[in-house]
Amino acid sequence: MDKELHKFFAGATLILDARLGGLKDGLLDEREESLPRTADDGQDWLGEGAVGFQVRSVDASTAVQRDRNWRERFRFASEVTQDGEATRWLIVDKWRHDAATEEDRSAANPQLLDEHQCWTEQRARTLAQALGLDQRSEELLALAARLHDEGKRAQRWQRAFNAPTDDAYAKTEGPINYRLLDGYRHELGSLLLVENDKRIRKLSDDDRDLVLHLIAAHHGFARPVIGTSGCENQPPSVLEEKVAEIALRFARLQAHWGPWGLAWWESLLRAADQQASRDNDARAANGGGV
């Protein structure tokens, strides 16, 4: 391969038409001629080998057609005028259930924030009862579920996710403006908003630690590190203190519950959150919605 071409592609992601073939088990194989499955081929079970994205070339002067089965993930200007104005877009869509990140899951069928958190609380209670948890444990899990996405109320998040302006939304159609989002973690925003909530303040120290950690960690961060980029709730010096508290809280909880015990608690909230999101998708598929 030409050295300049090799340098150009180093570290890049190259998107090719699946019909070119030559791919087997995720690796290049010049002898492989079969075509990989795609997410919209009509079969019931996708499996790991299915291609869960599509690429569209769209004229910038025409309205972009949306499909409830696909979520716009990236948009690039493939053609521009001399003034730098886009005349054609290259759009990368992901299949509706192929969500790899929190951003993917939030760019979905629109849903109000209060409703999503209410549904997540209901799912959390159902899980707790199915597992035979005592009343105290159920209430702690339900409280974390009811408050876990409060950080999405931030105007930065609402604008970055292209939310309607009539209310606070937990799910939007997107597309996501990553530059505007600026790395903002809504979990940190949630923590800063709810730590003085009267329901949180009346808990014992141990119970308060658990609820706050579940909120901060429900997308896998705060174990023990979480970024502060884009967070405007507090000055940078205060945010540094808060992330230090998050790390210390994580250490205390691991000492108390053990690494597997704490991860088990985290998985309950994440399961309830994802079930509530799927409930919203199911409602949209049946013609309902905001």
C-alpha atoms as a PDB file:
ATOM      1  CA  MET A   1       0.000   0.000   0.000  1.00  0.00           C
ATOM      2  CA  ASP A   2       1.217   3.487  -0.807  1.00  0.00           C
ATOM      3  CA  LYS A   3       2.780   5.072   2.295  1.00  0.00           C
ATOM      4  CA  GLU A   4       0.707   8.234   1.990  1.00  0.00           C
ATOM      5  CA  LEU A   5      -2.481   6.201   1.637  1.00  0.00           C
ATOM      6  CA  HIS A   6      -1.508   4.057   4.613  1.00  0.00           C
ATOM      7  CA  LYS A   7      -0.863   7.187   6.669  1.00  0.00           C
ATOM      8  CA  PHE A   8      -4.209   8.632   5.599  1.00  0.00           C
ATOM      9  CA  PHE A   9      -6.171   5.568   6.747  1.00  0.00           C
ATOM     10  CA  ALA A  10      -4.190   4.890   9.942  1.00  0.00           C
ATOM     11  CA  GLY A  11      -6.540   4.980  12.931  1.00  0.00           C
ATOM     12  CA  ALA A  12      -9.552   5.772  10.742  1.00  0.00           C
ATOM     13  CA  THR A  13     -12.840   3.921  10.339  1.00  0.00           C
ATOM     14  CA  LEU A  14     -13.520   3.066   6.700  1.00  0.00           C
ATOM     15  CA  ILE A  15     -17.172   2.415   5.810  1.00  0.00           C
ATOM     16  CA  LEU A  16     -17.745   0.217   2.744  1.00  0.00           C
ATOM     17  CA  ASP A  17     -20.810  -1.265   1.088  1.00  0.00           C
ATOM     18  CA  ALA A  18     -21.534  -4.703   2.613  1.00  0.00           C
ATOM     19  CA  ARG A  19     -22.033  -6.101  -0.896  1.00  0.00           C
ATOM     20  CA  LEU A  20     -18.286  -5.932  -1.497  1.00  0.00           C
ATOM     21  CA  GLY A  21     -17.912  -9.060   0.653  1.00  0.00           C
ATOM     22  CA  GLY A  22     -14.504 -10.173   1.868  1.00  0.00           C
ATOM     23  CA  LEU A  23     -15.453 -10.074   5.550  1.00  0.00           C
ATOM     24  CA  LYS A  24     -15.616 -13.087   7.851  1.00  0.00           C
ATOM     25  CA  ASP A  25     -16.032 -13.080  11.653  1.00  0.00           C
ATOM     26  CA  GLY A  26     -15.176  -9.402  11.723  1.00  0.00           C
ATOM     27  CA  LEU A  27     -11.874  -9.870   9.851  1.00  0.00           C
ATOM     28  CA  LEU A  28     -10.821  -9.347   6.241  1.00  0.00           C
ATOM     29  CA  ASP A  29     -10.824 -12.535   4.178  1.00  0.00           C
ATOM     30  CA  GLU A  30     -10.341 -12.265   0.409  1.00  0.00           C
ATOM     31  CA  ARG A  31     -11.842 -15.727  -0.085  1.00  0.00           C
ATOM     32  CA  GLU A  32     -15.125 -14.864   1.650  1.00  0.00           C
ATOM     33  CA  GLU A  33     -17.899 -14.180  -0.862  1.00  0.00           C
ATOM     34  CA  SER A  34     -21.048 -14.455   1.276  1.00  0.00           C
ATOM     35  CA  LEU A  35     -22.798 -11.253   2.258  1.00  0.00           C
ATOM     36  CA  PRO A  36     -23.235 -10.305   5.929  1.00  0.00           C
ATOM     37  CA  ARG A  37     -26.741  -9.919   7.265  1.00  0.00           C
ATOM     38  CA  THR A  38     -28.204  -6.470   7.686  1.00  0.00           C
ATOM     39  CA  ALA A  39     -30.470  -5.244  10.467  1.00  0.00           C
ATOM     40  CA  ASP A  40     -33.412  -4.630   8.137  1.00  0.00           C
ATOM     41  CA  ASP A  41     -33.385  -7.938   6.228  1.00  0.00           C
ATOM     42  CA  GLY A  42     -36.696  -8.974   7.798  1.00  0.00           C
ATOM     43  CA  GLN A  43     -35.412 -11.938   9.784  1.00  0.00           C
ATOM     44  CA  ASP A  44     -36.317 -12.199  13.465  1.00  0.00           C
ATOM     45  CA  TRP A  45     -32.959 -12.715  15.175  1.00  0.00           C
ATOM     46  CA  LEU A  46     -30.105 -10.371  14.339  1.00  0.00           C
ATOM     47  CA  GLY A  47     -27.227 -12.181  16.036  1.00  0.00           C
ATOM     48  CA  GLU A  48     -23.735 -10.737  16.326  1.00  0.00           C
ATOM     49  CA  GLY A  49     -22.878 -10.808  12.624  1.00  0.00           C
ATOM     50  CA  ALA A  50     -25.594  -8.448  11.410  1.00  0.00           C
ATOM     51  CA  VAL A  51     -24.682  -5.008  10.079  1.00  0.00           C
ATOM     52  CA  GLY A  52     -26.520  -2.617  12.369  1.00  0.00           C
ATOM     53  CA  PHE A  53     -25.988   0.608  10.455  1.00  0.00           C
ATOM     54  CA  GLN A  54     -26.728   2.170   7.098  1.00  0.00           C
ATOM     55  CA  VAL A  55     -25.177   5.084   5.198  1.00  0.00           C
ATOM     56  CA  ARG A  56     -27.241   7.545   3.163  1.00  0.00           C
ATOM     57  CA  SER A  57     -26.216  10.302   0.769  1.00  0.00           C
ATOM     58  CA  VAL A  58     -28.783  13.114   0.961  1.00  0.00           C
ATOM     59  CA  ASP A  59     -29.125  16.409  -0.887  1.00  0.00           C
ATOM     60  CA  ALA A  60     -28.886  19.209   1.692  1.00  0.00           C
ATOM     61  CA  SER A  61     -31.737  21.116   0.036  1.00  0.00           C
ATOM     62  CA  THR A  62     -34.265  18.322   0.626  1.00  0.00           C
ATOM     63  CA  ALA A  63     -35.946  17.300   3.868  1.00  0.00           C
ATOM     64  CA  VAL A  64     -34.306  14.268   5.461  1.00  0.00           C
ATOM     65  CA  GLN A  65     -36.778  11.373   5.606  1.00  0.00           C
ATOM     66  CA  ARG A  66     -36.927   9.693   9.009  1.00  0.00           C
ATOM     67  CA  ASP A  67     -37.633   6.021   9.633  1.00  0.00           C
ATOM     68  CA  ARG A  68     -38.728   4.825  13.071  1.00  0.00           C
ATOM     69  CA  ASN A  69     -36.465   1.780  12.693  1.00  0.00           C
ATOM     70  CA  TRP A  70     -33.305   3.857  12.221  1.00  0.00           C
ATOM     71  CA  ARG A  71     -31.608   6.486  14.394  1.00  0.00           C
ATOM     72  CA  GLU A  72     -29.342   9.131  12.892  1.00  0.00           C
ATOM     73  CA  ARG A  73     -25.939   8.798  14.569  1.00  0.00           C
ATOM     74  CA  PHE A  74     -23.556  10.949  12.507  1.00  0.00           C
ATOM     75  CA  ARG A  75     -23.883  13.507   9.741  1.00  0.00           C
ATOM     76  CA  PHE A  76     -21.002  14.677   7.560  1.00  0.00           C
ATOM     77  CA  ALA A  77     -20.887  17.289   4.798  1.00  0.00           C
ATOM     78  CA  SER A  78     -19.743  15.289   1.753  1.00  0.00           C
ATOM     79  CA  GLU A  79     -20.036  18.220  -0.649  1.00  0.00           C
ATOM     80  CA  VAL A  80     -19.702  21.930   0.165  1.00  0.00           C
ATOM     81  CA  THR A  81     -19.780  25.240  -1.684  1.00  0.00           C
ATOM     82  CA  GLN A  82     -16.780  27.551  -1.921  1.00  0.00           C
ATOM     83  CA  ASP A  83     -18.145  29.275   1.190  1.00  0.00           C
ATOM     84  CA  GLY A  84     -18.139  25.995   3.109  1.00  0.00           C
ATOM     85  CA  GLU A  85     -21.924  25.525   3.065  1.00  0.00           C
ATOM     86  CA  ALA A  86     -23.015  21.893   2.875  1.00  0.00           C
ATOM     87  CA  THR A  87     -24.780  20.904  -0.336  1.00  0.00           C
ATOM     88  CA  ARG A  88     -24.855  17.169   0.340  1.00  0.00           C
ATOM     89  CA  TRP A  89     -24.902  15.158   3.573  1.00  0.00           C
ATOM     90  CA  LEU A  90     -23.518  11.722   4.309  1.00  0.00           C
ATOM     91  CA  ILE A  91     -25.707  10.334   7.108  1.00  0.00           C
ATOM     92  CA  VAL A  92     -24.886   7.273   9.218  1.00  0.00           C
ATOM     93  CA  ASP A  93     -27.937   5.639  10.854  1.00  0.00           C
ATOM     94  CA  LYS A  94     -27.970   2.900  13.496  1.00  0.00           C
ATOM     95  CA  TRP A  95     -30.646   0.230  13.882  1.00  0.00           C
ATOM     96  CA  ARG A  96     -33.215   1.071  16.548  1.00  0.00           C
ATOM     97  CA  HIS A  97     -32.083  -1.508  19.146  1.00  0.00           C
ATOM     98  CA  ASP A  98     -28.372  -1.436  18.314  1.00  0.00           C
ATOM     99  CA  ALA A  99     -27.498   1.153  20.965  1.00  0.00           C
ATOM    100  CA  ALA A 100     -23.868   1.110  22.031  1.00  0.00           C
ATOM    101  CA  THR A 101     -23.859   4.318  24.054  1.00  0.00           C
ATOM    102  CA  GLU A 102     -26.085   6.421  26.220  1.00  0.00           C
ATOM    103  CA  GLU A 103     -26.349   8.898  23.363  1.00  0.00           C
ATOM    104  CA  ASP A 104     -27.657   6.153  21.062  1.00  0.00           C
ATOM    105  CA  ARG A 105     -30.320   5.165  23.573  1.00  0.00           C
ATOM    106  CA  SER A 106     -31.470   8.742  24.138  1.00  0.00           C
ATOM    107  CA  ALA A 107     -31.862   9.469  20.416  1.00  0.00           C
ATOM    108  CA  ALA A 108     -35.036   7.443  20.014  1.00  0.00           C
ATOM    109  CA  ASN A 109     -38.797   7.834  20.042  1.00  0.00           C
ATOM    110  CA  PRO A 110     -39.604  11.082  21.889  1.00  0.00           C
ATOM    111  CA  GLN A 111     -40.587  10.750  25.541  1.00  0.00           C
ATOM    112  CA  LEU A 112     -40.988  13.306  28.311  1.00  0.00           C
ATOM    113  CA  LEU A 113     -38.431  13.131  31.106  1.00  0.00           C
ATOM    114  CA  ASP A 114     -40.986  12.857  33.913  1.00  0.00           C
ATOM    115  CA  GLU A 115     -42.728   9.968  32.181  1.00  0.00           C
ATOM    116  CA  HIS A 116     -39.490   8.074  31.491  1.00  0.00           C
ATOM    117  CA  GLN A 117     -38.382   8.391  35.105  1.00  0.00           C
ATOM    118  CA  CYS A 118     -41.816   7.302  36.324  1.00  0.00           C
ATOM    119  CA  TRP A 119     -41.704   4.249  34.063  1.00  0.00           C
ATOM    120  CA  THR A 120     -38.180   3.436  35.227  1.00  0.00           C
ATOM    121  CA  GLU A 121     -39.334   3.608  38.851  1.00  0.00           C
ATOM    122  CA  GLN A 122     -42.200   1.215  38.082  1.00  0.00           C
ATOM    123  CA  ARG A 123     -39.809  -1.196  36.376  1.00  0.00           C
ATOM    124  CA  ALA A 124     -37.407  -0.956  39.312  1.00  0.00           C
ATOM    125  CA  ARG A 125     -40.176  -1.840  41.766  1.00  0.00           C
ATOM    126  CA  THR A 126     -41.229  -4.793  39.610  1.00  0.00           C
ATOM    127  CA  LEU A 127     -37.641  -6.071  39.562  1.00  0.00           C
ATOM    128  CA  ALA A 128     -37.227  -5.595  43.304  1.00  0.00           C
ATOM    129  CA  GLN A 129     -40.413  -7.520  44.044  1.00  0.00           C
ATOM    130  CA  ALA A 130     -39.530 -10.304  41.612  1.00  0.00           C
ATOM    131  CA  LEU A 131     -36.178 -10.687  43.385  1.00  0.00           C
ATOM    132  CA  GLY A 132     -37.795 -10.700  46.830  1.00  0.00           C
ATOM    133  CA  LEU A 133     -35.980  -7.596  48.070  1.00  0.00           C
ATOM    134  CA  ASP A 134     -37.119  -6.146  51.375  1.00  0.00           C
ATOM    135  CA  GLN A 135     -39.154  -2.930  51.468  1.00  0.00           C
ATOM    136  CA  ARG A 136     -36.166  -0.739  52.323  1.00  0.00           C
ATOM    137  CA  SER A 137     -34.127  -2.032  49.388  1.00  0.00           C
ATOM    138  CA  GLU A 138     -37.061  -1.597  47.028  1.00  0.00           C
ATOM    139  CA  GLU A 139     -37.530   2.009  48.122  1.00  0.00           C
ATOM    140  CA  LEU A 140     -33.831   2.808  47.639  1.00  0.00           C
ATOM    141  CA  LEU A 141     -33.804   1.330  44.146  1.00  0.00           C
ATOM    142  CA  ALA A 142     -37.076   3.068  43.252  1.00  0.00           C
ATOM    143  CA  LEU A 143     -35.774   6.434  44.475  1.00  0.00           C
ATOM    144  CA  ALA A 144     -32.612   6.119  42.383  1.00  0.00           C
ATOM    145  CA  ALA A 145     -34.760   5.211  39.370  1.00  0.00           C
ATOM    146  CA  ARG A 146     -37.105   8.158  39.901  1.00  0.00           C
ATOM    147  CA  LEU A 147     -34.218  10.662  39.939  1.00  0.00           C
ATOM    148  CA  HIS A 148     -31.586   9.065  37.703  1.00  0.00           C
ATOM    149  CA  ASP A 149     -32.034  11.299  34.629  1.00  0.00           C
ATOM    150  CA  GLU A 150     -32.615  14.681  36.283  1.00  0.00           C
ATOM    151  CA  GLY A 151     -29.414  15.942  34.662  1.00  0.00           C
ATOM    152  CA  LYS A 152     -31.157  15.811  31.295  1.00  0.00           C
ATOM    153  CA  ARG A 153     -33.086  18.913  32.338  1.00  0.00           C
ATOM    154  CA  ALA A 154     -29.943  20.925  31.573  1.00  0.00           C
ATOM    155  CA  GLN A 155     -30.481  23.249  28.616  1.00  0.00           C
ATOM    156  CA  ARG A 156     -27.200  22.026  27.126  1.00  0.00           C
ATOM    157  CA  TRP A 157     -28.535  18.459  26.983  1.00  0.00           C
ATOM    158  CA  GLN A 158     -31.962  19.470  25.677  1.00  0.00           C
ATOM    159  CA  ARG A 159     -30.483  21.628  22.916  1.00  0.00           C
ATOM    160  CA  ALA A 160     -27.788  19.091  21.986  1.00  0.00           C
ATOM    161  CA  PHE A 161     -30.419  16.360  21.577  1.00  0.00           C
ATOM    162  CA  ASN A 162     -32.657  18.659  19.532  1.00  0.00           C
ATOM    163  CA  ALA A 163     -35.513  18.336  22.024  1.00  0.00           C
ATOM    164  CA  PRO A 164     -38.824  20.166  21.542  1.00  0.00           C
ATOM    165  CA  THR A 165     -39.059  23.276  23.707  1.00  0.00           C
ATOM    166  CA  ASP A 166     -42.462  22.608  25.265  1.00  0.00           C
ATOM    167  CA  ASP A 167     -41.096  20.456  28.129  1.00  0.00           C
ATOM    168  CA  ALA A 168     -38.048  18.504  29.346  1.00  0.00           C
ATOM    169  CA  TYR A 169     -37.454  15.334  27.321  1.00  0.00           C
ATOM    170  CA  ALA A 170     -35.577  12.133  28.147  1.00  0.00           C
ATOM    171  CA  LYS A 171     -35.773  10.734  24.598  1.00  0.00           C
ATOM    172  CA  THR A 172     -35.706  12.710  21.360  1.00  0.00           C
ATOM    173  CA  GLU A 173     -35.519  12.009  17.650  1.00  0.00           C
ATOM    174  CA  GLY A 174     -32.163  13.789  17.453  1.00  0.00           C
ATOM    175  CA  PRO A 175     -29.895  14.230  15.619  1.00  0.00           C
ATOM    176  CA  ILE A 176     -27.374  14.833  18.386  1.00  0.00           C
ATOM    177  CA  ASN A 177     -25.135  17.897  18.276  1.00  0.00           C
ATOM    178  CA  TYR A 178     -21.990  16.471  19.887  1.00  0.00           C
ATOM    179  CA  ARG A 179     -20.140  19.759  19.692  1.00  0.00           C
ATOM    180  CA  LEU A 180     -22.849  21.446  21.733  1.00  0.00           C
ATOM    181  CA  LEU A 181     -23.040  18.511  24.156  1.00  0.00           C
ATOM    182  CA  ASP A 182     -19.307  19.006  24.821  1.00  0.00           C
ATOM    183  CA  GLY A 183     -18.901  15.749  26.713  1.00  0.00           C
ATOM    184  CA  TYR A 184     -21.613  16.595  29.249  1.00  0.00           C
ATOM    185  CA  ARG A 185     -22.509  13.594  31.419  1.00  0.00           C
ATOM    186  CA  HIS A 186     -26.112  13.908  32.499  1.00  0.00           C
ATOM    187  CA  GLU A 187     -25.465  11.431  35.332  1.00  0.00           C
ATOM    188  CA  LEU A 188     -23.167  13.982  36.986  1.00  0.00           C
ATOM    189  CA  GLY A 189     -25.776  16.654  36.393  1.00  0.00           C
ATOM    190  CA  SER A 190     -28.368  14.408  38.033  1.00  0.00           C
ATOM    191  CA  LEU A 191     -26.177  13.886  41.079  1.00  0.00           C
ATOM    192  CA  LEU A 192     -25.606  17.615  41.550  1.00  0.00           C
ATOM    193  CA  LEU A 193     -29.325  18.329  41.262  1.00  0.00           C
ATOM    194  CA  VAL A 194     -30.630  15.630  43.607  1.00  0.00           C
ATOM    195  CA  GLU A 195     -28.061  15.450  46.405  1.00  0.00           C
ATOM    196  CA  ASN A 196     -30.048  18.090  48.322  1.00  0.00           C
ATOM    197  CA  ASP A 197     -33.445  16.578  47.493  1.00  0.00           C
ATOM    198  CA  LYS A 198     -35.421  16.114  50.712  1.00  0.00           C
ATOM    199  CA  ARG A 199     -35.991  12.432  49.918  1.00  0.00           C
ATOM    200  CA  ILE A 200     -32.239  11.940  49.656  1.00  0.00           C
ATOM    201  CA  ARG A 201     -31.340  14.022  52.698  1.00  0.00           C
ATOM    202  CA  LYS A 202     -33.549  12.050  55.067  1.00  0.00           C
ATOM    203  CA  LEU A 203     -31.757   8.771  54.266  1.00  0.00           C
ATOM    204  CA  SER A 204     -29.062   7.301  56.483  1.00  0.00           C
ATOM    205  CA  ASP A 205     -25.474   7.946  55.381  1.00  0.00           C
ATOM    206  CA  ASP A 206     -25.088   4.416  53.989  1.00  0.00           C
ATOM    207  CA  ASP A 207     -28.384   4.477  52.111  1.00  0.00           C
ATOM    208  CA  ARG A 208     -27.697   7.949  50.737  1.00  0.00           C
ATOM    209  CA  ASP A 209     -24.305   6.778  49.482  1.00  0.00           C
ATOM    210  CA  LEU A 210     -25.924   3.880  47.625  1.00  0.00           C
ATOM    211  CA  VAL A 211     -28.671   5.927  45.962  1.00  0.00           C
ATOM    212  CA  LEU A 212     -26.294   8.694  44.869  1.00  0.00           C
ATOM    213  CA  HIS A 213     -23.836   6.166  43.476  1.00  0.00           C
ATOM    214  CA  LEU A 214     -26.525   4.312  41.518  1.00  0.00           C
ATOM    215  CA  ILE A 215     -27.588   7.595  39.930  1.00  0.00           C
ATOM    216  CA  ALA A 216     -24.017   8.609  39.065  1.00  0.00           C
ATOM    217  CA  ALA A 217     -23.043   5.160  37.742  1.00  0.00           C
ATOM    218  CA  HIS A 218     -26.110   4.156  35.740  1.00  0.00           C
ATOM    219  CA  HIS A 219     -24.206   4.424  32.441  1.00  0.00           C
ATOM    220  CA  GLY A 220     -20.989   2.844  33.676  1.00  0.00           C
ATOM    221  CA  PHE A 221     -19.085   5.949  34.756  1.00  0.00           C
ATOM    222  CA  ALA A 222     -18.316   7.067  38.344  1.00  0.00           C
ATOM    223  CA  ARG A 223     -16.534   3.766  39.029  1.00  0.00           C
ATOM    224  CA  PRO A 224     -14.740   5.813  40.238  1.00  0.00           C
ATOM    225  CA  VAL A 225     -14.079   8.401  37.478  1.00  0.00           C
ATOM    226  CA  ILE A 226     -16.525  10.659  35.643  1.00  0.00           C
ATOM    227  CA  GLY A 227     -15.766  13.667  33.457  1.00  0.00           C
ATOM    228  CA  THR A 228     -16.938  17.215  34.165  1.00  0.00           C
ATOM    229  CA  SER A 229     -16.853  18.598  30.606  1.00  0.00           C
ATOM    230  CA  GLY A 230     -19.916  20.608  29.664  1.00  0.00           C
ATOM    231  CA  CYS A 231     -21.284  20.630  33.229  1.00  0.00           C
ATOM    232  CA  GLU A 232     -22.329  24.148  34.190  1.00  0.00           C
ATOM    233  CA  ASN A 233     -24.037  23.410  37.511  1.00  0.00           C
ATOM    234  CA  GLN A 234     -21.029  24.428  39.595  1.00  0.00           C
ATOM    235  CA  PRO A 235     -17.684  26.244  39.171  1.00  0.00           C
ATOM    236  CA  PRO A 236     -14.754  24.013  38.074  1.00  0.00           C
ATOM    237  CA  SER A 237     -13.233  24.007  41.570  1.00  0.00           C
ATOM    238  CA  VAL A 238     -16.480  22.728  43.086  1.00  0.00           C
ATOM    239  CA  LEU A 239     -16.839  20.105  40.356  1.00  0.00           C
ATOM    240  CA  GLU A 240     -13.365  18.804  41.188  1.00  0.00           C
ATOM    241  CA  GLU A 241     -14.466  18.355  44.804  1.00  0.00           C
ATOM    242  CA  LYS A 242     -17.637  16.577  43.680  1.00  0.00           C
ATOM    243  CA  VAL A 243     -15.834  14.053  41.481  1.00  0.00           C
ATOM    244  CA  ALA A 244     -13.453  13.374  44.366  1.00  0.00           C
ATOM    245  CA  GLU A 245     -16.484  12.681  46.577  1.00  0.00           C
ATOM    246  CA  ILE A 246     -17.841  10.335  43.896  1.00  0.00           C
ATOM    247  CA  ALA A 247     -14.599   8.341  43.882  1.00  0.00           C
ATOM    248  CA  LEU A 248     -14.514   8.113  47.681  1.00  0.00           C
ATOM    249  CA  ARG A 249     -18.175   7.077  47.772  1.00  0.00           C
ATOM    250  CA  PHE A 250     -17.420   4.310  45.274  1.00  0.00           C
ATOM    251  CA  ALA A 251     -14.568   3.080  47.487  1.00  0.00           C
ATOM    252  CA  ARG A 252     -16.801   3.050  50.584  1.00  0.00           C
ATOM    253  CA  LEU A 253     -19.544   1.139  48.802  1.00  0.00           C
ATOM    254  CA  GLN A 254     -17.139  -1.433  47.373  1.00  0.00           C
ATOM    255  CA  ALA A 255     -15.773  -2.005  50.863  1.00  0.00           C
ATOM    256  CA  HIS A 256     -19.319  -2.442  52.191  1.00  0.00           C
ATOM    257  CA  TRP A 257     -20.940  -4.490  49.407  1.00  0.00           C
ATOM    258  CA  GLY A 258     -17.910  -5.985  47.699  1.00  0.00           C
ATOM    259  CA  PRO A 259     -17.233  -5.431  43.975  1.00  0.00           C
ATOM    260  CA  TRP A 260     -19.792  -7.991  42.816  1.00  0.00           C
ATOM    261  CA  GLY A 261     -22.440  -6.866  45.272  1.00  0.00           C
ATOM    262  CA  LEU A 262     -22.158  -3.252  44.183  1.00  0.00           C
ATOM    263  CA  ALA A 263     -22.185  -4.219  40.504  1.00  0.00           C
ATOM    264  CA  TRP A 264     -25.368  -6.213  41.188  1.00  0.00           C
ATOM    265  CA  TRP A 265     -27.079  -3.110  42.572  1.00  0.00           C
ATOM    266  CA  GLU A 266     -25.941  -1.100  39.560  1.00  0.00           C
ATOM    267  CA  SER A 267     -27.290  -3.733  37.173  1.00  0.00           C
ATOM    268  CA  LEU A 268     -30.772  -3.472  38.687  1.00  0.00           C
ATOM    269  CA  LEU A 269     -31.101   0.224  37.898  1.00  0.00           C
ATOM    270  CA  ARG A 270     -29.605  -0.208  34.442  1.00  0.00           C
ATOM    271  CA  ALA A 271     -32.021  -3.053  33.710  1.00  0.00           C
ATOM    272  CA  ALA A 272     -35.005  -0.978  34.841  1.00  0.00           C
ATOM    273  CA  ASP A 273     -33.819   1.961  32.738  1.00  0.00           C
ATOM    274  CA  GLN A 274     -33.419  -0.151  29.607  1.00  0.00           C
ATOM    275  CA  GLN A 275     -36.769  -1.871  30.125  1.00  0.00           C
ATOM    276  CA  ALA A 276     -38.467   1.514  30.405  1.00  0.00           C
ATOM    277  CA  SER A 277     -36.779   2.610  27.170  1.00  0.00           C
ATOM    278  CA  ARG A 278     -37.988  -0.520  25.382  1.00  0.00           C
ATOM    279  CA  ASP A 279     -41.496   0.131  26.700  1.00  0.00           C
ATOM    280  CA  ASN A 280     -41.324   3.508  24.989  1.00  0.00           C
ATOM    281  CA  ASP A 281     -40.151   1.918  21.726  1.00  0.00           C
ATOM    282  CA  ALA A 282     -42.976  -0.619  21.928  1.00  0.00           C
ATOM    283  CA  ARG A 283     -45.531   2.145  22.425  1.00  0.00           C
ATOM    284  CA  ALA A 284     -44.198   3.998  19.376  1.00  0.00           C
ATOM    285  CA  ALA A 285     -44.303   0.800  17.302  1.00  0.00           C
ATOM    286  CA  ASN A 286     -48.000   0.497  18.170  1.00  0.00           C
ATOM    287  CA  GLY A 287     -48.689   4.029  17.029  1.00  0.00           C
ATOM    288  CA  GLY A 288     -48.505   5.777  20.406  1.00  0.00           C
ATOM    289  CA  GLY A 289     -46.157   8.448  21.693  1.00  0.00           C
ATOM    290  CA  VAL A 290     -45.809  11.968  23.009  1.00  0.00           C
END
